[in-house]
Every structure is written in C-alpha cells, then in structure tokens.
Amino acid sequence: MSSASSHEVSSMMPLQPAESPSPFWQLLALLAGEPDLRWLDWVLRQRGAAPSPARAETTAGHTEELSLHSRSLPDIGAALLEEESLSSGGAAGGHRCIVDDCPLCRSEASRHFGPQPLEALGLLERSAHPRIWRIYRQGLSRFLAFREEAGLPSAWPVPVEEIRAFLGALDSQHLPSLQILGYLSGLSYIARMFHFPDPLQDFGVSHIVMALNRRRDVQRRG
C-alpha cells in the first residue's frame, strides 16, 4: 500500500476518545470550583488537569486517616458495591491563582494533604472502589444543585443545617435509603478530607441515619 493510500486509510479511522478522568478527580474538580476551595484548582493543574469549571459536574499520615474513614461506614460501603441500582473558607481558600507557582496555594495544599499533595491524593484515589467515588461525586453534584436551588451561599465547611435540609429533600424525592446514605457518606468523607467538622457527628444527622437504616432493614425484610 502506498504512503498516500495509507494516509487516507489512517485519516478515516475514528479517533480514540481521550481517557476521561476518574470519578475521584471529577469530585475534586467540582470542589475546586467552590470559592472557599479555589486553591484546589492549582493542585489539579499541577497534575496536568484542565482548570475546573465553575460548576460542572506528612503524606502517609493524611492518607492513612482518610483511608480508614472511607471504611468507617462498612454497611454503606459494602452495600454500594453490591447494589447495581445505584449506577444510575476564608481569604486563602477563596484565592485562585493562575500562575504555575503559587505559594499561597501550595501552603493550603500542604496544610490539608501534607508536603506532597498529589501523591497523597493519588493514594486516596486507590483507597476505595471507583464506584464509591462515583456515588460520592453524584452526591456532591446533587448537594451543590440543591444549595443553588435553595438560594444558599457557598460555604465550606458546610453548615450542618444545610446537610439536614439536603437529606430531607432527598427523602421527599423518595430516593432509596441506601442512596441517601451513600451521598451522606460522601459529604462526610469530604469534610474529613479537609479537616472540617464531620456532619455524621451531629446529633440530628446521626438520628436521620438511624431512621434511614431502620427503614432500609424493614424494606429488605419485605
């Protein structure tokens, strides 16, 4: 085959789609669009990721703490992997740097993830099944949409009253208890990841979890 004809054949071959980012990095991209967490956009660009959209969808010590927390709700985590029905802030935080080296962003990244933030985040990504990250990303996306529809300002850490209201809104939509618990588990993980108060420690939220688990048990027994 001549080089010309070979070129014609290759030009007709479909281009391979670029590999899409994993749900874990999509979750971080959503968070990087939040005013209080804009420094995270700088971290993602160090990895070679594009700047996050405004609204779209020591290292070992930090990683070990969060990896343990990802297993702190074994009932939710195990069930999420089993049930296919779920397939379908301050001035420093608000700073968004567009240069390659940003001391303020670097300081924030080190404070939250240790001296090597990208390595820590990579280990965190491998600490849970991709389906877990997908549920967490879906939950965050739905929470951001809920907050926008309710006219609530962006705030991190998230006020626990907003978490309760979000859970109530999900329940009013008749979502399965397990799906609501999965979304809550994701918000809890995010809070712990940034050293924010864990919403699961709130008295009201903990009792909502108890009610959802009880309802789930009743539904499973039929």
C-alpha atoms as a PDB file:
ATOM      1  CA  MET A   1       0.000   0.000   0.000  1.00  0.00           C
ATOM      2  CA  SER A   2       1.393   3.412  -0.956  1.00  0.00           C
ATOM      3  CA  SER A   3       2.105   6.030   1.649  1.00  0.00           C
ATOM      4  CA  ALA A   4      -0.644   8.212   0.185  1.00  0.00           C
ATOM      5  CA  SER A   5      -3.276   5.484   0.394  1.00  0.00           C
ATOM      6  CA  SER A   6      -2.025   4.563   3.848  1.00  0.00           C
ATOM      7  CA  HIS A   7      -2.537   8.159   4.914  1.00  0.00           C
ATOM      8  CA  GLU A   8      -6.073   8.113   3.508  1.00  0.00           C
ATOM      9  CA  VAL A   9      -6.928   4.966   5.476  1.00  0.00           C
ATOM     10  CA  SER A  10      -5.484   6.318   8.699  1.00  0.00           C
ATOM     11  CA  SER A  11      -7.344   9.593   8.271  1.00  0.00           C
ATOM     12  CA  MET A  12     -10.634   7.687   8.025  1.00  0.00           C
ATOM     13  CA  MET A  13     -10.017   5.744  11.220  1.00  0.00           C
ATOM     14  CA  PRO A  14     -12.027   7.081  14.180  1.00  0.00           C
ATOM     15  CA  LEU A  15     -10.029   8.981  16.731  1.00  0.00           C
ATOM     16  CA  GLN A  16      -9.689   7.271  20.084  1.00  0.00           C
ATOM     17  CA  PRO A  17     -11.543   9.254  22.735  1.00  0.00           C
ATOM     18  CA  ALA A  18      -9.345  10.792  25.390  1.00  0.00           C
ATOM     19  CA  GLU A  19      -9.411   8.926  28.670  1.00  0.00           C
ATOM     20  CA  SER A  20     -11.938  10.588  30.957  1.00  0.00           C
ATOM     21  CA  PRO A  21     -10.853  11.472  34.481  1.00  0.00           C
ATOM     22  CA  SER A  22     -11.821   9.067  37.219  1.00  0.00           C
ATOM     23  CA  PRO A  23     -14.793   9.892  39.483  1.00  0.00           C
ATOM     24  CA  PHE A  24     -12.331  10.771  42.252  1.00  0.00           C
ATOM     25  CA  TRP A  25     -10.685  13.544  40.217  1.00  0.00           C
ATOM     26  CA  GLN A  26     -14.070  14.680  38.918  1.00  0.00           C
ATOM     27  CA  LEU A  27     -15.132  15.046  42.562  1.00  0.00           C
ATOM     28  CA  LEU A  28     -12.072  17.209  43.243  1.00  0.00           C
ATOM     29  CA  ALA A  29     -12.786  19.293  40.138  1.00  0.00           C
ATOM     30  CA  LEU A  30     -16.267  20.061  41.442  1.00  0.00           C
ATOM     31  CA  LEU A  31     -14.810  21.097  44.786  1.00  0.00           C
ATOM     32  CA  ALA A  32     -12.182  23.278  43.088  1.00  0.00           C
ATOM     33  CA  GLY A  33     -14.990  25.360  41.626  1.00  0.00           C
ATOM     34  CA  GLU A  34     -16.115  26.389  45.111  1.00  0.00           C
ATOM     35  CA  PRO A  35     -14.942  29.872  46.214  1.00  0.00           C
ATOM     36  CA  ASP A  36     -13.539  28.637  49.530  1.00  0.00           C
ATOM     37  CA  LEU A  37     -11.563  25.870  47.818  1.00  0.00           C
ATOM     38  CA  ARG A  38     -10.199  27.620  44.740  1.00  0.00           C
ATOM     39  CA  TRP A  39      -6.639  26.733  45.722  1.00  0.00           C
ATOM     40  CA  LEU A  40      -7.515  23.131  44.847  1.00  0.00           C
ATOM     41  CA  ASP A  41      -7.708  24.182  41.202  1.00  0.00           C
ATOM     42  CA  TRP A  42      -3.973  24.929  41.356  1.00  0.00           C
ATOM     43  CA  VAL A  43      -3.322  21.423  42.727  1.00  0.00           C
ATOM     44  CA  LEU A  44      -5.275  19.837  39.879  1.00  0.00           C
ATOM     45  CA  ARG A  45      -3.351  21.839  37.296  1.00  0.00           C
ATOM     46  CA  GLN A  46      -0.096  20.555  38.744  1.00  0.00           C
ATOM     47  CA  ARG A  47      -1.378  17.101  37.813  1.00  0.00           C
ATOM     48  CA  GLY A  48      -1.955  18.264  34.246  1.00  0.00           C
ATOM     49  CA  ALA A  49      -5.703  18.582  34.569  1.00  0.00           C
ATOM     50  CA  ALA A  50      -7.523  21.461  32.981  1.00  0.00           C
ATOM     51  CA  PRO A  51      -8.779  24.207  35.307  1.00  0.00           C
ATOM     52  CA  SER A  52     -12.013  23.142  36.920  1.00  0.00           C
ATOM     53  CA  PRO A  53     -15.370  24.542  35.706  1.00  0.00           C
ATOM     54  CA  ALA A  54     -17.207  26.920  37.979  1.00  0.00           C
ATOM     55  CA  ARG A  55     -19.997  24.407  38.229  1.00  0.00           C
ATOM     56  CA  ALA A  56     -19.973  21.110  36.318  1.00  0.00           C
ATOM     57  CA  GLU A  57     -20.196  18.101  37.351  1.00  0.00           C
ATOM     58  CA  THR A  58       3.091  14.198  56.335  1.00  0.00           C
ATOM     59  CA  THR A  59       1.524  12.472  53.289  1.00  0.00           C
ATOM     60  CA  ALA A  60       1.204   8.982  54.799  1.00  0.00           C
ATOM     61  CA  GLY A  61      -0.471  10.351  57.913  1.00  0.00           C
ATOM     62  CA  HIS A  62      -3.106  12.231  55.971  1.00  0.00           C
ATOM     63  CA  THR A  63      -3.688   9.273  53.647  1.00  0.00           C
ATOM     64  CA  GLU A  64      -3.990   6.676  56.391  1.00  0.00           C
ATOM     65  CA  GLU A  65      -6.501   8.775  58.326  1.00  0.00           C
ATOM     66  CA  LEU A  66      -8.754   9.253  55.305  1.00  0.00           C
ATOM     67  CA  SER A  67      -8.389   5.669  54.077  1.00  0.00           C
ATOM     68  CA  LEU A  68      -9.595   4.435  57.453  1.00  0.00           C
ATOM     69  CA  HIS A  69     -12.510   6.846  57.310  1.00  0.00           C
ATOM     70  CA  SER A  70     -13.514   5.526  53.881  1.00  0.00           C
ATOM     71  CA  ARG A  71     -14.184   2.241  55.662  1.00  0.00           C
ATOM     72  CA  SER A  72     -15.807   3.797  58.728  1.00  0.00           C
ATOM     73  CA  LEU A  73     -19.287   3.129  57.313  1.00  0.00           C
ATOM     74  CA  PRO A  74     -18.873  -0.522  56.238  1.00  0.00           C
ATOM     75  CA  ASP A  75     -22.607  -1.092  55.941  1.00  0.00           C
ATOM     76  CA  ILE A  76     -22.911   1.691  53.386  1.00  0.00           C
ATOM     77  CA  GLY A  77     -19.667   0.903  51.568  1.00  0.00           C
ATOM     78  CA  ALA A  78     -20.335  -2.798  51.161  1.00  0.00           C
ATOM     79  CA  ALA A  79     -23.911  -2.234  50.057  1.00  0.00           C
ATOM     80  CA  LEU A  80     -22.882   0.364  47.490  1.00  0.00           C
ATOM     81  CA  LEU A  81     -20.602  -2.175  45.883  1.00  0.00           C
ATOM     82  CA  GLU A  82     -23.311  -4.827  45.879  1.00  0.00           C
ATOM     83  CA  GLU A  83     -26.317  -2.909  44.579  1.00  0.00           C
ATOM     84  CA  GLU A  84     -26.150  -2.022  40.882  1.00  0.00           C
ATOM     85  CA  SER A  85     -29.338   0.007  41.185  1.00  0.00           C
ATOM     86  CA  LEU A  86     -27.217   2.998  42.198  1.00  0.00           C
ATOM     87  CA  SER A  87     -25.236   3.086  38.957  1.00  0.00           C
ATOM     88  CA  SER A  88     -27.728   5.336  37.518  1.00  0.00           C
ATOM     89  CA  GLY A  89     -13.276  29.276  53.546  1.00  0.00           C
ATOM     90  CA  GLY A  90     -11.500  32.342  54.128  1.00  0.00           C
ATOM     91  CA  ALA A  91      -9.284  34.658  52.063  1.00  0.00           C
ATOM     92  CA  ALA A  92      -6.765  31.898  51.473  1.00  0.00           C
ATOM     93  CA  GLY A  93      -9.466  29.463  50.419  1.00  0.00           C
ATOM     94  CA  GLY A  94     -11.041  31.947  48.029  1.00  0.00           C
ATOM     95  CA  HIS A  95      -7.740  32.748  46.315  1.00  0.00           C
ATOM     96  CA  ARG A  96      -7.486  31.409  42.772  1.00  0.00           C
ATOM     97  CA  CYS A  97      -4.022  31.526  41.272  1.00  0.00           C
ATOM     98  CA  ILE A  98      -3.389  31.359  37.529  1.00  0.00           C
ATOM     99  CA  VAL A  99       0.404  31.080  37.695  1.00  0.00           C
ATOM    100  CA  ASP A 100       2.438  27.890  37.826  1.00  0.00           C
ATOM    101  CA  ASP A 101       3.916  28.568  41.252  1.00  0.00           C
ATOM    102  CA  CYS A 102       1.576  29.926  43.912  1.00  0.00           C
ATOM    103  CA  PRO A 103       2.974  29.976  47.467  1.00  0.00           C
ATOM    104  CA  LEU A 104      -0.457  30.540  48.983  1.00  0.00           C
ATOM    105  CA  CYS A 105      -1.990  27.614  47.066  1.00  0.00           C
ATOM    106  CA  ARG A 106       0.992  25.429  47.904  1.00  0.00           C
ATOM    107  CA  SER A 107       0.616  26.303  51.589  1.00  0.00           C
ATOM    108  CA  GLU A 108      -3.082  25.417  51.585  1.00  0.00           C
ATOM    109  CA  ALA A 109      -2.417  22.149  49.750  1.00  0.00           C
ATOM    110  CA  SER A 110       0.309  21.178  52.227  1.00  0.00           C
ATOM    111  CA  ARG A 111      -1.891  22.061  55.186  1.00  0.00           C
ATOM    112  CA  HIS A 112      -4.659  19.755  54.008  1.00  0.00           C
ATOM    113  CA  PHE A 113      -2.765  16.932  52.271  1.00  0.00           C
ATOM    114  CA  GLY A 114       0.795  17.065  53.519  1.00  0.00           C
ATOM    115  CA  PRO A 115       4.051  18.054  51.786  1.00  0.00           C
ATOM    116  CA  GLN A 116       3.273  16.006  48.652  1.00  0.00           C
ATOM    117  CA  PRO A 117      -0.423  16.657  47.941  1.00  0.00           C
ATOM    118  CA  LEU A 118      -0.605  14.969  44.534  1.00  0.00           C
ATOM    119  CA  GLU A 119       0.945  11.774  45.867  1.00  0.00           C
ATOM    120  CA  ALA A 120      -1.437  11.815  48.829  1.00  0.00           C
ATOM    121  CA  LEU A 121      -4.450  12.328  46.584  1.00  0.00           C
ATOM    122  CA  GLY A 122      -3.304   9.519  44.302  1.00  0.00           C
ATOM    123  CA  LEU A 123      -3.142   7.161  47.279  1.00  0.00           C
ATOM    124  CA  LEU A 124      -6.571   8.291  48.409  1.00  0.00           C
ATOM    125  CA  GLU A 125      -7.980   7.546  44.966  1.00  0.00           C
ATOM    126  CA  ARG A 126      -6.732   3.967  45.237  1.00  0.00           C
ATOM    127  CA  SER A 127      -8.134   3.548  48.749  1.00  0.00           C
ATOM    128  CA  ALA A 128     -11.707   2.968  47.564  1.00  0.00           C
ATOM    129  CA  HIS A 129     -13.534   1.326  44.674  1.00  0.00           C
ATOM    130  CA  PRO A 130     -14.273   3.648  41.690  1.00  0.00           C
ATOM    131  CA  ARG A 131     -17.981   3.033  42.247  1.00  0.00           C
ATOM    132  CA  ILE A 132     -17.686   4.581  45.702  1.00  0.00           C
ATOM    133  CA  TRP A 133     -16.092   7.710  44.220  1.00  0.00           C
ATOM    134  CA  ARG A 134     -18.851   7.805  41.610  1.00  0.00           C
ATOM    135  CA  ILE A 135     -21.517   7.810  44.310  1.00  0.00           C
ATOM    136  CA  TYR A 136     -19.617  10.487  46.254  1.00  0.00           C
ATOM    137  CA  ARG A 137     -19.326  12.633  43.122  1.00  0.00           C
ATOM    138  CA  GLN A 138     -23.033  12.222  42.379  1.00  0.00           C
ATOM    139  CA  GLY A 139     -23.883  13.160  45.946  1.00  0.00           C
ATOM    140  CA  LEU A 140     -21.737  16.286  45.837  1.00  0.00           C
ATOM    141  CA  SER A 141     -23.217  17.311  42.499  1.00  0.00           C
ATOM    142  CA  ARG A 142     -26.738  16.912  43.864  1.00  0.00           C
ATOM    143  CA  PHE A 143     -25.860  18.824  47.016  1.00  0.00           C
ATOM    144  CA  LEU A 144     -24.441  21.740  45.003  1.00  0.00           C
ATOM    145  CA  ALA A 145     -27.598  21.780  42.863  1.00  0.00           C
ATOM    146  CA  PHE A 146     -29.782  21.676  45.994  1.00  0.00           C
ATOM    147  CA  ARG A 147     -27.886  24.573  47.535  1.00  0.00           C
ATOM    148  CA  GLU A 148     -28.166  26.645  44.376  1.00  0.00           C
ATOM    149  CA  GLU A 149     -31.899  25.983  44.029  1.00  0.00           C
ATOM    150  CA  ALA A 150     -32.413  26.934  47.677  1.00  0.00           C
ATOM    151  CA  GLY A 151     -30.512  30.184  47.164  1.00  0.00           C
ATOM    152  CA  LEU A 152     -27.909  29.279  49.780  1.00  0.00           C
ATOM    153  CA  PRO A 153     -24.418  30.784  49.555  1.00  0.00           C
ATOM    154  CA  SER A 154     -21.391  28.592  49.030  1.00  0.00           C
ATOM    155  CA  ALA A 155     -19.751  27.815  52.362  1.00  0.00           C
ATOM    156  CA  TRP A 156     -17.092  25.317  53.393  1.00  0.00           C
ATOM    157  CA  PRO A 157     -17.308  23.773  55.887  1.00  0.00           C
ATOM    158  CA  VAL A 158     -20.966  23.191  55.068  1.00  0.00           C
ATOM    159  CA  PRO A 159     -23.318  24.272  57.877  1.00  0.00           C
ATOM    160  CA  VAL A 160     -24.880  21.171  59.369  1.00  0.00           C
ATOM    161  CA  GLU A 161     -28.349  22.708  58.963  1.00  0.00           C
ATOM    162  CA  GLU A 162     -27.840  22.534  55.201  1.00  0.00           C
ATOM    163  CA  ILE A 163     -26.873  18.872  55.444  1.00  0.00           C
ATOM    164  CA  ARG A 164     -30.079  18.106  57.325  1.00  0.00           C
ATOM    165  CA  ALA A 165     -32.163  20.058  54.819  1.00  0.00           C
ATOM    166  CA  PHE A 166     -30.444  18.240  51.931  1.00  0.00           C
ATOM    167  CA  LEU A 167     -31.223  14.847  53.459  1.00  0.00           C
ATOM    168  CA  GLY A 168     -34.835  15.886  53.926  1.00  0.00           C
ATOM    169  CA  ALA A 169     -35.055  16.975  50.291  1.00  0.00           C
ATOM    170  CA  LEU A 170     -33.645  13.649  49.098  1.00  0.00           C
ATOM    171  CA  ASP A 171     -36.093  11.749  51.269  1.00  0.00           C
ATOM    172  CA  SER A 172     -39.001  13.786  49.888  1.00  0.00           C
ATOM    173  CA  GLN A 173     -37.963  12.622  46.422  1.00  0.00           C
ATOM    174  CA  HIS A 174     -38.440   9.011  47.618  1.00  0.00           C
ATOM    175  CA  LEU A 175     -34.857   8.024  46.907  1.00  0.00           C
ATOM    176  CA  PRO A 176     -33.747   4.658  48.335  1.00  0.00           C
ATOM    177  CA  SER A 177     -32.365   4.892  51.840  1.00  0.00           C
ATOM    178  CA  LEU A 178     -29.068   3.379  50.711  1.00  0.00           C
ATOM    179  CA  GLN A 179     -28.612   6.034  48.050  1.00  0.00           C
ATOM    180  CA  ILE A 180     -29.212   8.836  50.559  1.00  0.00           C
ATOM    181  CA  LEU A 181     -26.771   7.225  52.982  1.00  0.00           C
ATOM    182  CA  GLY A 182     -24.198   6.955  50.211  1.00  0.00           C
ATOM    183  CA  TYR A 183     -24.497  10.652  49.414  1.00  0.00           C
ATOM    184  CA  LEU A 184     -24.179  11.498  53.104  1.00  0.00           C
ATOM    185  CA  SER A 185     -21.133   9.260  53.390  1.00  0.00           C
ATOM    186  CA  GLY A 186     -19.544  11.244  50.557  1.00  0.00           C
ATOM    187  CA  LEU A 187     -20.183  14.598  52.241  1.00  0.00           C
ATOM    188  CA  SER A 188     -18.763  13.185  55.455  1.00  0.00           C
ATOM    189  CA  TYR A 189     -15.649  11.994  53.629  1.00  0.00           C
ATOM    190  CA  ILE A 190     -15.131  15.392  52.003  1.00  0.00           C
ATOM    191  CA  ALA A 191     -15.441  17.109  55.378  1.00  0.00           C
ATOM    192  CA  ARG A 192     -12.835  14.832  56.910  1.00  0.00           C
ATOM    193  CA  MET A 193     -10.562  15.218  53.904  1.00  0.00           C
ATOM    194  CA  PHE A 194     -10.364  18.968  54.501  1.00  0.00           C
ATOM    195  CA  HIS A 195     -10.337  18.668  58.308  1.00  0.00           C
ATOM    196  CA  PHE A 196     -13.823  20.164  58.579  1.00  0.00           C
ATOM    197  CA  PRO A 197     -16.363  19.044  61.211  1.00  0.00           C
ATOM    198  CA  ASP A 198     -17.838  15.667  60.277  1.00  0.00           C
ATOM    199  CA  PRO A 199     -21.629  16.003  59.755  1.00  0.00           C
ATOM    200  CA  LEU A 200     -22.061  12.423  60.981  1.00  0.00           C
ATOM    201  CA  GLN A 201     -21.133  13.665  64.459  1.00  0.00           C
ATOM    202  CA  ASP A 202     -24.174  15.942  64.533  1.00  0.00           C
ATOM    203  CA  PHE A 203     -26.990  14.686  66.760  1.00  0.00           C
ATOM    204  CA  GLY A 204     -29.712  15.394  64.202  1.00  0.00           C
ATOM    205  CA  VAL A 205     -27.829  13.873  61.280  1.00  0.00           C
ATOM    206  CA  SER A 206     -26.938  10.762  63.283  1.00  0.00           C
ATOM    207  CA  HIS A 207     -30.610  10.175  64.067  1.00  0.00           C
ATOM    208  CA  ILE A 208     -31.546  10.652  60.417  1.00  0.00           C
ATOM    209  CA  VAL A 209     -29.009   7.920  59.621  1.00  0.00           C
ATOM    210  CA  MET A 210     -30.633   5.662  62.222  1.00  0.00           C
ATOM    211  CA  ALA A 211     -34.070   6.255  60.685  1.00  0.00           C
ATOM    212  CA  LEU A 212     -32.818   5.546  57.159  1.00  0.00           C
ATOM    213  CA  ASN A 213     -31.090   2.348  58.263  1.00  0.00           C
ATOM    214  CA  ARG A 214     -34.218   1.205  60.082  1.00  0.00           C
ATOM    215  CA  ARG A 215     -36.384   1.864  57.034  1.00  0.00           C
ATOM    216  CA  ARG A 216     -33.900   0.026  54.830  1.00  0.00           C
ATOM    217  CA  ASP A 217     -33.974  -3.007  57.122  1.00  0.00           C
ATOM    218  CA  VAL A 218     -37.775  -3.057  57.024  1.00  0.00           C
ATOM    219  CA  GLN A 219     -37.793  -2.810  53.221  1.00  0.00           C
ATOM    220  CA  ARG A 220     -35.258  -5.622  52.892  1.00  0.00           C
ATOM    221  CA  ARG A 221     -37.341  -7.918  55.092  1.00  0.00           C
ATOM    222  CA  GLY A 222     -40.360  -7.100  52.975  1.00  0.00           C
END
